[in-house]
Amino acid sequence: MTDPTPPRAAPRIAISEISGEHVAEVADFLHRELNPAVSSAAWATLLDPPWGAPGPNRGFLLRADGEIVGAYAAVYSSRNTATGTVDVCNLAAFCVQESFRMHSLRLVRALLKQKGLLFTDLSPSGNVVAMNERLGFSRIPATAKLAVNLPLSFASVSVSVSVSDDPARIASTLRGRDAVVYRDHASAPAARHVVVTKGDDYAYVMYRVDRRKRLRLFASPLFTGGDRTLLERSWGAVGAHFARRGLPFTLMDSHALGFEPHRGRVLKNPRVKMFRGDHGTADAVDYLYSELALVEW
């Protein structure tokens, strides 16, 4: 007997840019499919960051018969570097439903075919690292160490400094580019800020709180500004500040710090950060204006 049920038609697949009108829909998708521990509101902040959305889109989405089945969120910014202004596209969050994974590369290529951009991927996971390498991405070289944050009475500090996370003091202390970076990231949900002062000199640290083995006990610097020599000499005081904030460990990343960390245990398998573009070396890359500053997980 012939089965009267006609074969089901293949779904109609379409890729399009994520615009402002799609933010809520894509945020709900990422909450549901990528990480339910991150709220839809938090994902929406990634798609509509506090410094504005200067890029041509917020990434790309994948639809099957009109329903979102995949998304690659992107965060755009412009940076002033030693070689001029560089436009950056941060690949911020990537998720495709399992039954549509064969279309994943189409989302990636939609982003990468945009011309004149430096691309960063600062939290690739699983098979994405290998895929990125096949697509011409390089790993950002950095020394990664795990350091214990000691109370000030036990910390080694070669200079007498003041450490503060008071927003008013930070805003009144920072100058030039550091002031712009702080202003843009002051309300970024995952970014925290510390200023170190000694007389008229200062050092600035932006960091996030990371989780390892389900323990949210790790400070991870994202950016440093001001006098990095002062910061290096007074790092014990910064670590003591982190300890007072309930963070007994720091994940020391030489690329973010701007100096080679002397203390701590070298991590054998640090989390990979990557870039691709025609704008020189990893020296043009930083961790600002990215999911690292916008999303807590």
Protein backbone atom coordinates (compact mmCIF):
# COMPACT_ATOMS: atom_id res chain seq x y z
CA MET A 1 0.00 0.00 0.00
CA THR A 2 1.38 3.40 -0.98
CA ASP A 3 1.91 5.92 1.79
CA PRO A 4 -0.40 8.86 0.93
CA THR A 5 1.64 11.32 3.00
CA PRO A 6 3.67 13.54 0.65
CA PRO A 7 7.37 14.02 1.46
CA ARG A 8 8.05 16.98 3.69
CA ALA A 9 9.53 19.91 1.80
CA ALA A 10 12.99 21.07 2.82
CA PRO A 11 12.86 24.24 4.92
CA ARG A 12 13.60 27.50 3.17
CA ILE A 13 16.93 28.78 4.50
CA ALA A 14 17.75 32.48 4.53
CA ILE A 15 20.63 34.54 5.95
CA SER A 16 20.24 38.22 6.74
CA GLU A 17 21.84 40.97 8.78
CA ILE A 18 20.85 41.49 12.41
CA SER A 19 19.49 45.00 12.75
CA GLY A 20 18.07 46.92 15.69
CA GLU A 21 14.60 45.54 15.09
CA HIS A 22 15.91 41.98 15.57
CA VAL A 23 17.67 42.55 18.91
CA ALA A 24 14.94 41.15 21.18
CA GLU A 25 14.30 38.13 18.95
CA VAL A 26 17.99 37.23 18.64
CA ALA A 27 18.57 37.83 22.37
CA ASP A 28 15.79 35.37 23.21
CA PHE A 29 17.32 32.84 20.80
CA LEU A 30 20.78 33.14 22.40
CA HIS A 31 19.27 32.82 25.89
CA ARG A 32 17.34 29.73 24.89
CA GLU A 33 19.91 27.98 22.69
CA LEU A 34 23.40 29.19 23.63
CA ASN A 35 23.47 29.87 27.38
CA PRO A 36 20.25 29.95 29.44
CA ALA A 37 22.29 31.20 32.42
CA VAL A 38 22.66 34.50 30.54
CA SER A 39 19.37 36.39 30.46
CA SER A 40 17.73 37.70 27.31
CA ALA A 41 18.33 41.22 28.64
CA ALA A 42 22.07 40.51 28.95
CA TRP A 43 22.23 39.17 25.39
CA ALA A 44 20.35 42.27 24.24
CA THR A 45 23.11 44.44 25.76
CA LEU A 46 25.64 42.55 23.64
CA LEU A 47 23.61 43.40 20.53
CA ASP A 48 23.05 47.01 21.60
CA PRO A 49 26.16 47.98 23.62
CA PRO A 50 26.27 51.10 25.83
CA TRP A 51 28.80 52.83 23.54
CA GLY A 52 26.36 52.54 20.63
CA ALA A 53 26.36 50.29 17.58
CA PRO A 54 28.52 52.02 14.92
CA GLY A 55 28.84 49.06 12.57
CA PRO A 56 26.83 48.13 9.49
CA ASN A 57 24.87 45.47 11.43
CA ARG A 58 24.82 43.53 14.71
CA GLY A 59 25.92 40.32 13.01
CA PHE A 60 23.97 37.83 10.89
CA LEU A 61 21.10 35.45 11.55
CA LEU A 62 19.96 32.21 9.97
CA ARG A 63 16.26 31.47 9.43
CA ALA A 64 14.48 28.27 8.42
CA ASP A 65 10.96 28.96 7.13
CA GLY A 66 11.09 32.32 8.89
CA GLU A 67 12.18 31.03 12.31
CA ILE A 68 15.61 31.88 13.75
CA VAL A 69 17.75 28.74 13.93
CA GLY A 70 21.18 30.39 14.12
CA ALA A 71 22.90 33.67 14.88
CA TYR A 72 26.40 35.12 14.90
CA ALA A 73 26.37 38.34 16.92
CA ALA A 74 29.04 40.96 16.18
CA VAL A 75 30.25 44.09 17.98
CA TYR A 76 31.90 46.84 15.91
CA SER A 77 34.27 49.61 16.94
CA SER A 78 37.01 51.86 15.58
CA ARG A 79 40.49 52.06 17.11
CA ASN A 80 43.33 54.50 16.73
CA THR A 81 46.57 52.55 16.34
CA ALA A 82 50.16 53.36 15.45
CA THR A 83 49.31 52.73 11.79
CA GLY A 84 46.06 54.72 11.76
CA THR A 85 42.39 54.06 12.42
CA VAL A 86 41.33 50.42 12.33
CA ASP A 87 37.72 49.25 12.11
CA VAL A 88 37.19 46.14 14.24
CA CYS A 89 34.50 43.48 14.06
CA ASN A 90 34.38 41.42 17.24
CA LEU A 91 32.79 38.00 16.66
CA ALA A 92 30.90 37.91 19.91
CA ALA A 93 28.44 34.99 20.12
CA PHE A 94 27.89 32.07 17.72
CA CYS A 95 25.04 29.57 17.94
CA VAL A 96 23.27 27.33 15.41
CA GLN A 97 20.68 24.69 16.23
CA GLU A 98 22.09 21.20 15.80
CA SER A 99 19.86 20.18 12.89
CA PHE A 100 21.05 23.24 10.92
CA ARG A 101 24.78 23.05 11.71
CA MET A 102 25.56 22.34 8.05
CA HIS A 103 24.73 26.01 7.41
CA SER A 104 27.06 27.36 10.15
CA LEU A 105 29.85 28.27 7.74
CA ARG A 106 27.45 30.41 5.73
CA LEU A 107 26.98 32.65 8.78
CA VAL A 108 30.73 32.87 9.31
CA ARG A 109 31.42 33.73 5.68
CA ALA A 110 28.70 36.39 5.68
CA LEU A 111 30.65 38.20 8.40
CA LEU A 112 34.12 37.60 7.02
CA LYS A 113 33.33 38.79 3.50
CA GLN A 114 32.89 42.32 4.87
CA LYS A 115 35.86 44.30 3.62
CA GLY A 116 38.38 46.47 5.46
CA LEU A 117 37.86 45.01 8.93
CA LEU A 118 40.08 43.53 11.58
CA PHE A 119 38.21 40.54 13.05
CA THR A 120 38.62 39.35 16.63
CA ASP A 121 37.28 36.21 18.27
CA LEU A 122 38.09 36.43 21.97
CA SER A 123 36.14 33.47 23.36
CA PRO A 124 36.04 30.73 20.70
CA SER A 125 35.10 27.33 22.04
CA GLY A 126 35.07 23.73 20.88
CA ASN A 127 35.54 23.25 17.14
CA VAL A 128 35.44 27.00 16.45
CA VAL A 129 39.18 27.36 17.13
CA ALA A 130 40.09 24.84 14.43
CA MET A 131 37.53 26.33 12.03
CA ASN A 132 38.96 29.81 12.60
CA GLU A 133 42.47 28.59 11.88
CA ARG A 134 41.29 27.11 8.58
CA LEU A 135 39.76 30.51 7.76
CA GLY A 136 43.03 32.35 8.32
CA PHE A 137 42.73 33.42 11.97
CA SER A 138 45.85 33.56 14.15
CA ARG A 139 46.12 33.09 17.88
CA ILE A 140 46.98 36.17 19.92
CA PRO A 141 50.32 35.32 21.54
CA ALA A 142 50.31 35.83 25.30
CA THR A 143 51.77 34.42 28.48
CA ALA A 144 48.93 33.24 30.72
CA LYS A 145 49.48 32.68 34.43
CA LEU A 146 47.31 31.99 37.45
CA ALA A 147 48.32 34.19 40.39
CA VAL A 148 47.09 34.17 43.98
CA ASN A 149 45.85 37.53 45.26
CA LEU A 150 47.37 38.05 48.71
CA PRO A 151 46.15 40.45 51.40
CA LEU A 152 48.14 43.67 51.42
CA SER A 153 49.98 42.68 54.62
CA PHE A 154 51.49 39.72 52.70
CA ALA A 155 51.77 41.25 49.23
CA SER A 156 55.06 42.45 47.78
CA VAL A 157 54.63 46.10 46.72
CA SER A 158 57.69 48.13 45.77
CA VAL A 159 55.91 51.54 45.85
CA SER A 160 53.35 53.16 48.11
CA VAL A 161 50.16 53.61 46.11
CA SER A 162 46.44 54.15 46.44
CA VAL A 163 44.01 51.72 44.77
CA SER A 164 40.39 52.71 44.19
CA ASP A 165 37.33 51.52 42.30
CA ASP A 166 35.29 54.63 43.10
CA PRO A 167 33.71 55.78 39.78
CA ALA A 168 34.10 59.49 40.58
CA ARG A 169 37.77 59.10 41.39
CA ILE A 170 38.42 57.00 38.29
CA ALA A 171 36.65 59.51 36.04
CA SER A 172 38.57 62.45 37.50
CA THR A 173 41.94 60.68 37.26
CA LEU A 174 41.98 59.21 33.75
CA ARG A 175 43.19 61.26 30.82
CA GLY A 176 43.21 61.04 27.02
CA ARG A 177 42.43 57.64 25.52
CA ASP A 178 42.03 56.06 28.97
CA ALA A 179 39.22 58.50 29.77
CA VAL A 180 37.45 57.61 26.51
CA VAL A 181 37.82 53.87 27.15
CA TYR A 182 36.43 54.25 30.67
CA ARG A 183 33.53 56.41 29.52
CA ASP A 184 32.57 53.85 26.87
CA HIS A 185 32.83 50.88 29.24
CA ALA A 186 31.64 52.41 32.53
CA SER A 187 28.19 50.83 32.16
CA ALA A 188 29.29 47.67 30.33
CA PRO A 189 27.85 44.87 32.53
CA ALA A 190 30.96 42.65 32.69
CA ALA A 191 33.60 45.39 32.96
CA ARG A 192 35.02 46.44 36.32
CA HIS A 193 37.52 49.23 36.85
CA VAL A 194 40.40 50.11 39.20
CA VAL A 195 42.74 53.07 39.26
CA VAL A 196 46.15 53.05 40.94
CA THR A 197 47.63 56.43 41.88
CA LYS A 198 50.96 57.66 43.18
CA GLY A 199 51.24 61.43 43.27
CA ASP A 200 50.30 62.70 39.81
CA ASP A 201 50.91 59.31 38.17
CA TYR A 202 48.24 56.70 37.61
CA ALA A 203 47.63 53.26 36.16
CA TYR A 204 44.25 51.97 35.04
CA VAL A 205 42.96 48.38 35.00
CA MET A 206 39.75 47.17 33.41
CA TYR A 207 38.91 43.58 34.30
CA ARG A 208 36.10 41.02 34.32
CA VAL A 209 35.22 38.26 36.76
CA ASP A 210 35.60 34.78 35.31
CA ARG A 211 34.42 31.36 36.34
CA ARG A 212 36.57 28.24 36.38
CA LYS A 213 35.16 24.86 37.39
CA ARG A 214 31.94 26.66 38.37
CA LEU A 215 33.83 28.92 40.79
CA ARG A 216 33.49 32.64 40.09
CA LEU A 217 36.69 33.62 41.86
CA PHE A 218 38.98 34.91 39.11
CA ALA A 219 39.83 38.46 38.08
CA SER A 220 40.77 38.66 34.39
CA PRO A 221 42.34 41.96 33.23
CA LEU A 222 41.06 43.13 29.85
CA PHE A 223 42.95 46.41 29.44
CA THR A 224 45.54 48.54 31.20
CA GLY A 225 46.31 52.20 30.71
CA GLY A 226 48.38 54.96 32.19
CA ASP A 227 51.82 54.14 33.61
CA ARG A 228 52.30 50.41 33.13
CA THR A 229 55.62 50.49 34.96
CA LEU A 230 53.78 51.84 37.99
CA LEU A 231 51.16 49.13 37.56
CA GLU A 232 53.75 46.36 37.38
CA ARG A 233 55.58 47.62 40.47
CA SER A 234 52.35 47.98 42.45
CA TRP A 235 50.58 44.82 41.26
CA GLY A 236 50.61 43.36 44.77
CA ALA A 237 48.31 46.20 45.88
CA VAL A 238 45.98 45.55 42.93
CA GLY A 239 45.87 41.85 43.82
CA ALA A 240 45.07 42.75 47.42
CA HIS A 241 42.21 44.92 46.14
CA PHE A 242 40.86 41.95 44.16
CA ALA A 243 41.15 39.76 47.27
CA ARG A 244 39.07 42.27 49.25
CA ARG A 245 36.43 42.02 46.53
CA GLY A 246 36.20 38.24 46.98
CA LEU A 247 38.52 37.34 44.09
CA PRO A 248 41.43 35.26 45.41
CA PHE A 249 42.96 34.63 41.97
CA THR A 250 43.99 36.62 38.90
CA LEU A 251 44.27 35.19 35.40
CA MET A 252 47.33 37.15 34.26
CA ASP A 253 47.38 37.72 30.49
CA SER A 254 50.50 39.47 29.22
CA HIS A 255 48.71 40.82 26.13
CA ALA A 256 46.07 42.56 28.25
CA LEU A 257 48.50 43.69 30.96
CA GLY A 258 51.10 45.15 28.62
CA PHE A 259 53.90 43.51 30.58
CA GLU A 260 55.15 39.99 31.22
CA PRO A 261 53.76 38.78 34.57
CA HIS A 262 56.51 37.56 36.89
CA ARG A 263 54.30 35.92 39.49
CA GLY A 264 51.94 33.00 39.15
CA ARG A 265 51.82 29.53 37.60
CA VAL A 266 51.90 29.21 33.82
CA LEU A 267 48.62 27.82 32.44
CA LYS A 268 49.17 24.90 30.09
CA ASN A 269 45.86 25.32 28.26
CA PRO A 270 44.78 28.97 28.47
CA ARG A 271 41.64 30.09 26.68
CA VAL A 272 42.41 30.97 23.09
CA LYS A 273 41.93 34.45 21.64
CA MET A 274 42.18 35.01 17.88
CA PHE A 275 42.28 37.66 15.16
CA ARG A 276 42.26 38.00 11.38
CA GLY A 277 42.87 41.00 9.17
CA ASP A 278 45.27 43.07 7.10
CA HIS A 279 46.24 45.46 9.87
CA GLY A 280 49.58 44.09 11.00
CA THR A 281 50.20 41.88 13.97
CA ALA A 282 48.41 41.10 17.21
CA ASP A 283 49.77 44.41 18.57
CA ALA A 284 46.79 46.10 16.89
CA VAL A 285 44.36 43.90 18.82
CA ASP A 286 42.94 44.44 22.29
CA TYR A 287 40.07 42.98 24.33
CA LEU A 288 37.95 46.15 24.44
CA TYR A 289 34.52 46.70 22.85
CA SER A 290 33.78 42.99 22.99
CA GLU A 291 31.68 40.30 24.63
CA LEU A 292 34.33 40.09 27.37
CA ALA A 293 33.21 43.50 28.62
CA LEU A 294 29.52 43.01 27.90
CA VAL A 295 28.46 39.52 29.03
CA GLU A 296 28.95 37.79 32.38
CA TRP A 297 28.83 34.00 32.24
